Amino acid sequence: MDKIQEFLLDYIQREYSLPEDVDFVTFNYVESGYIDSMGLVQFIATIEDEFGIEFADEDLENPKIHVIGGLIDFIKSKMDGELSGG
């Protein structure tokens, strides 16, 4: 497990306690009701602080970030500078 996945898993389990049998990488934590819109804003702010990246407003509307695997890829690409905020 890489650092990003470990951080996200720890955060979500600490705040929301996932079921044991969930496939973490494909889990849609928004549709499943684990994180509401206010929780998502707080979650994103925590991610920004942890990894030194910034999400643009349009990034928050991207359904890819509602799935853990997609969010991991998104964070990695932000860290690599492949996506520009703005």
N, C-alpha and C. Protein backbone atom coordinates (compact mmCIF):
# COMPACT_ATOMS: atom_id res chain seq x y z
N MET A 1 0.85 -1.19 0.00
CA MET A 1 0.00 0.00 0.00
C MET A 1 0.89 1.24 0.00
N ASP A 2 0.60 2.16 -0.91
CA ASP A 2 1.44 3.35 -0.96
C ASP A 2 0.97 4.40 0.05
N LYS A 3 1.75 5.46 0.17
CA LYS A 3 1.50 6.48 1.19
C LYS A 3 0.14 7.15 1.01
N ILE A 4 -0.23 7.43 -0.23
CA ILE A 4 -1.50 8.11 -0.50
C ILE A 4 -2.66 7.21 -0.10
N GLN A 5 -2.63 5.97 -0.56
CA GLN A 5 -3.72 5.05 -0.24
C GLN A 5 -3.81 4.83 1.27
N GLU A 6 -2.68 4.68 1.90
CA GLU A 6 -2.66 4.48 3.35
C GLU A 6 -3.27 5.68 4.08
N PHE A 7 -2.91 6.89 3.64
CA PHE A 7 -3.45 8.11 4.26
C PHE A 7 -4.96 8.17 4.09
N LEU A 8 -5.45 7.92 2.86
CA LEU A 8 -6.88 8.01 2.59
C LEU A 8 -7.66 6.96 3.37
N LEU A 9 -7.15 5.74 3.38
CA LEU A 9 -7.80 4.67 4.12
C LEU A 9 -7.87 4.99 5.60
N ASP A 10 -6.77 5.47 6.15
CA ASP A 10 -6.72 5.82 7.56
C ASP A 10 -7.72 6.92 7.88
N TYR A 11 -7.76 7.95 7.03
CA TYR A 11 -8.67 9.08 7.26
C TYR A 11 -10.12 8.62 7.23
N ILE A 12 -10.48 7.90 6.18
CA ILE A 12 -11.88 7.49 6.03
C ILE A 12 -12.29 6.52 7.13
N GLN A 13 -11.42 5.58 7.47
CA GLN A 13 -11.76 4.65 8.54
C GLN A 13 -11.85 5.34 9.90
N ARG A 14 -10.98 6.30 10.12
CA ARG A 14 -11.00 7.03 11.39
C ARG A 14 -12.28 7.86 11.51
N GLU A 15 -12.67 8.52 10.42
CA GLU A 15 -13.83 9.40 10.45
C GLU A 15 -15.15 8.67 10.25
N TYR A 16 -15.15 7.61 9.45
CA TYR A 16 -16.42 7.05 9.00
C TYR A 16 -16.58 5.55 9.17
N SER A 17 -15.57 4.82 9.53
CA SER A 17 -15.57 3.36 9.71
C SER A 17 -16.24 2.59 8.57
N LEU A 18 -15.41 2.16 7.64
CA LEU A 18 -15.85 1.39 6.49
C LEU A 18 -16.16 -0.05 6.88
N PRO A 19 -17.09 -0.69 6.14
CA PRO A 19 -17.31 -2.12 6.37
C PRO A 19 -16.06 -2.92 6.03
N GLU A 20 -15.88 -4.03 6.69
CA GLU A 20 -14.69 -4.87 6.50
C GLU A 20 -14.54 -5.38 5.08
N ASP A 21 -15.65 -5.71 4.42
CA ASP A 21 -15.59 -6.38 3.13
C ASP A 21 -15.56 -5.43 1.92
N VAL A 22 -15.44 -4.14 2.15
CA VAL A 22 -15.47 -3.18 1.04
C VAL A 22 -14.17 -3.23 0.24
N ASP A 23 -14.29 -3.13 -1.09
CA ASP A 23 -13.11 -3.00 -1.94
C ASP A 23 -12.72 -1.53 -1.93
N PHE A 24 -11.71 -1.21 -1.16
CA PHE A 24 -11.34 0.17 -0.90
C PHE A 24 -11.07 0.96 -2.18
N VAL A 25 -10.38 0.38 -3.14
CA VAL A 25 -9.97 1.10 -4.35
C VAL A 25 -11.16 1.49 -5.22
N THR A 26 -12.20 0.64 -5.27
CA THR A 26 -13.35 0.95 -6.12
C THR A 26 -14.51 1.54 -5.33
N PHE A 27 -14.33 1.77 -4.05
CA PHE A 27 -15.39 2.27 -3.18
C PHE A 27 -15.71 3.73 -3.49
N ASN A 28 -17.00 4.00 -3.78
CA ASN A 28 -17.47 5.37 -4.00
C ASN A 28 -17.99 5.88 -2.66
N TYR A 29 -17.15 6.63 -1.97
CA TYR A 29 -17.48 7.06 -0.61
C TYR A 29 -18.52 8.17 -0.59
N VAL A 30 -18.73 8.85 -1.72
CA VAL A 30 -19.75 9.90 -1.78
C VAL A 30 -21.13 9.28 -2.03
N GLU A 31 -21.25 8.48 -3.10
CA GLU A 31 -22.52 7.83 -3.41
C GLU A 31 -22.98 6.92 -2.28
N SER A 32 -22.04 6.32 -1.59
CA SER A 32 -22.39 5.41 -0.49
C SER A 32 -22.84 6.16 0.76
N GLY A 33 -22.71 7.47 0.74
CA GLY A 33 -23.17 8.27 1.86
C GLY A 33 -22.20 8.38 3.02
N TYR A 34 -20.97 7.93 2.82
CA TYR A 34 -19.99 8.02 3.90
C TYR A 34 -19.52 9.44 4.13
N ILE A 35 -19.42 10.20 3.04
CA ILE A 35 -18.96 11.59 3.15
C ILE A 35 -19.96 12.47 2.41
N ASP A 36 -20.54 13.44 3.10
CA ASP A 36 -21.45 14.38 2.46
C ASP A 36 -20.66 15.55 1.88
N SER A 37 -21.35 16.53 1.33
CA SER A 37 -20.64 17.62 0.65
C SER A 37 -19.74 18.41 1.60
N MET A 38 -20.19 18.64 2.82
CA MET A 38 -19.33 19.36 3.78
C MET A 38 -18.16 18.49 4.20
N GLY A 39 -18.40 17.21 4.38
CA GLY A 39 -17.33 16.29 4.73
C GLY A 39 -16.31 16.19 3.62
N LEU A 40 -16.80 16.26 2.36
CA LEU A 40 -15.89 16.19 1.21
C LEU A 40 -14.97 17.40 1.18
N VAL A 41 -15.51 18.57 1.46
CA VAL A 41 -14.69 19.79 1.49
C VAL A 41 -13.60 19.66 2.56
N GLN A 42 -13.96 19.16 3.72
CA GLN A 42 -12.98 18.97 4.81
C GLN A 42 -11.94 17.92 4.42
N PHE A 43 -12.40 16.84 3.80
CA PHE A 43 -11.52 15.76 3.35
C PHE A 43 -10.51 16.30 2.34
N ILE A 44 -10.99 17.07 1.36
CA ILE A 44 -10.12 17.63 0.33
C ILE A 44 -9.11 18.60 0.95
N ALA A 45 -9.56 19.41 1.90
CA ALA A 45 -8.65 20.35 2.58
C ALA A 45 -7.55 19.58 3.32
N THR A 46 -7.91 18.48 3.95
CA THR A 46 -6.94 17.64 4.65
C THR A 46 -5.93 17.05 3.67
N ILE A 47 -6.43 16.59 2.52
CA ILE A 47 -5.55 16.04 1.47
C ILE A 47 -4.61 17.12 0.95
N GLU A 48 -5.13 18.31 0.71
CA GLU A 48 -4.30 19.41 0.22
C GLU A 48 -3.16 19.71 1.20
N ASP A 49 -3.49 19.75 2.49
CA ASP A 49 -2.47 20.02 3.51
C ASP A 49 -1.43 18.90 3.58
N GLU A 50 -1.90 17.67 3.52
CA GLU A 50 -1.02 16.51 3.67
C GLU A 50 -0.04 16.38 2.51
N PHE A 51 -0.51 16.63 1.29
CA PHE A 51 0.31 16.36 0.11
C PHE A 51 0.80 17.61 -0.61
N GLY A 52 0.47 18.79 -0.08
CA GLY A 52 0.97 20.03 -0.67
C GLY A 52 0.44 20.28 -2.07
N ILE A 53 -0.81 19.93 -2.29
CA ILE A 53 -1.42 20.16 -3.60
C ILE A 53 -2.65 21.04 -3.42
N GLU A 54 -3.22 21.48 -4.54
CA GLU A 54 -4.40 22.31 -4.48
C GLU A 54 -5.42 21.83 -5.48
N PHE A 55 -6.65 21.68 -5.03
CA PHE A 55 -7.75 21.29 -5.90
C PHE A 55 -8.44 22.55 -6.40
N ALA A 56 -8.68 22.65 -7.69
CA ALA A 56 -9.46 23.74 -8.26
C ALA A 56 -10.94 23.41 -8.07
N ASP A 57 -11.80 24.42 -8.20
CA ASP A 57 -13.23 24.20 -8.04
C ASP A 57 -13.75 23.11 -8.97
N GLU A 58 -13.28 23.13 -10.22
CA GLU A 58 -13.75 22.11 -11.18
C GLU A 58 -13.27 20.71 -10.80
N ASP A 59 -12.15 20.62 -10.09
CA ASP A 59 -11.67 19.32 -9.62
C ASP A 59 -12.67 18.68 -8.67
N LEU A 60 -13.31 19.51 -7.84
CA LEU A 60 -14.25 19.00 -6.85
C LEU A 60 -15.53 18.45 -7.50
N GLU A 61 -15.79 18.87 -8.73
CA GLU A 61 -16.97 18.39 -9.46
C GLU A 61 -16.67 17.12 -10.26
N ASN A 62 -15.40 16.72 -10.30
CA ASN A 62 -14.99 15.55 -11.06
C ASN A 62 -15.43 14.28 -10.32
N PRO A 63 -16.34 13.47 -10.93
CA PRO A 63 -16.80 12.27 -10.22
C PRO A 63 -15.69 11.25 -9.96
N LYS A 64 -14.58 11.37 -10.68
CA LYS A 64 -13.44 10.46 -10.47
C LYS A 64 -12.94 10.51 -9.03
N ILE A 65 -12.99 11.67 -8.41
CA ILE A 65 -12.46 11.80 -7.05
C ILE A 65 -13.40 11.25 -5.99
N HIS A 66 -14.60 10.83 -6.39
CA HIS A 66 -15.54 10.24 -5.43
C HIS A 66 -15.28 8.76 -5.21
N VAL A 67 -14.40 8.19 -6.02
CA VAL A 67 -13.98 6.80 -5.89
C VAL A 67 -12.53 6.81 -5.40
N ILE A 68 -12.23 6.03 -4.38
CA ILE A 68 -10.91 6.08 -3.76
C ILE A 68 -9.78 5.86 -4.77
N GLY A 69 -9.91 4.86 -5.64
CA GLY A 69 -8.87 4.61 -6.63
C GLY A 69 -8.67 5.81 -7.55
N GLY A 70 -9.76 6.44 -7.96
CA GLY A 70 -9.68 7.62 -8.80
C GLY A 70 -9.05 8.79 -8.06
N LEU A 71 -9.38 8.91 -6.79
CA LEU A 71 -8.80 9.98 -5.97
C LEU A 71 -7.30 9.77 -5.81
N ILE A 72 -6.87 8.54 -5.61
CA ILE A 72 -5.44 8.24 -5.50
C ILE A 72 -4.72 8.66 -6.78
N ASP A 73 -5.27 8.25 -7.93
CA ASP A 73 -4.67 8.63 -9.22
C ASP A 73 -4.64 10.14 -9.39
N PHE A 74 -5.72 10.78 -8.98
CA PHE A 74 -5.84 12.23 -9.11
C PHE A 74 -4.77 12.94 -8.27
N ILE A 75 -4.61 12.49 -7.03
CA ILE A 75 -3.60 13.08 -6.15
C ILE A 75 -2.21 12.88 -6.74
N LYS A 76 -1.93 11.67 -7.22
CA LYS A 76 -0.61 11.40 -7.80
C LYS A 76 -0.35 12.30 -8.99
N SER A 77 -1.35 12.50 -9.85
CA SER A 77 -1.14 13.35 -11.01
C SER A 77 -0.98 14.81 -10.60
N LYS A 78 -1.67 15.23 -9.57
CA LYS A 78 -1.48 16.60 -9.04
C LYS A 78 -0.05 16.76 -8.52
N MET A 79 0.42 15.75 -7.80
CA MET A 79 1.77 15.82 -7.24
C MET A 79 2.82 15.80 -8.34
N ASP A 80 2.52 15.10 -9.42
CA ASP A 80 3.44 15.04 -10.55
C ASP A 80 3.34 16.26 -11.46
N GLY A 81 2.37 17.13 -11.18
CA GLY A 81 2.21 18.34 -11.98
C GLY A 81 1.52 18.11 -13.30
N GLU A 82 0.87 16.94 -13.45
CA GLU A 82 0.20 16.65 -14.72
C GLU A 82 -1.10 17.46 -14.85
N LEU A 83 -1.73 17.76 -13.74
CA LEU A 83 -2.96 18.55 -13.77
C LEU A 83 -2.67 19.90 -13.15
N SER A 84 -3.19 20.94 -13.75
CA SER A 84 -2.99 22.26 -13.17
C SER A 84 -4.30 22.77 -12.61
N GLY A 85 -4.24 23.31 -11.43
CA GLY A 85 -5.42 23.88 -10.82
C GLY A 85 -5.67 25.26 -11.40
N GLY A 86 -6.90 25.77 -11.20
CA GLY A 86 -7.03 27.10 -11.64
C GLY A 86 -8.29 27.52 -12.09
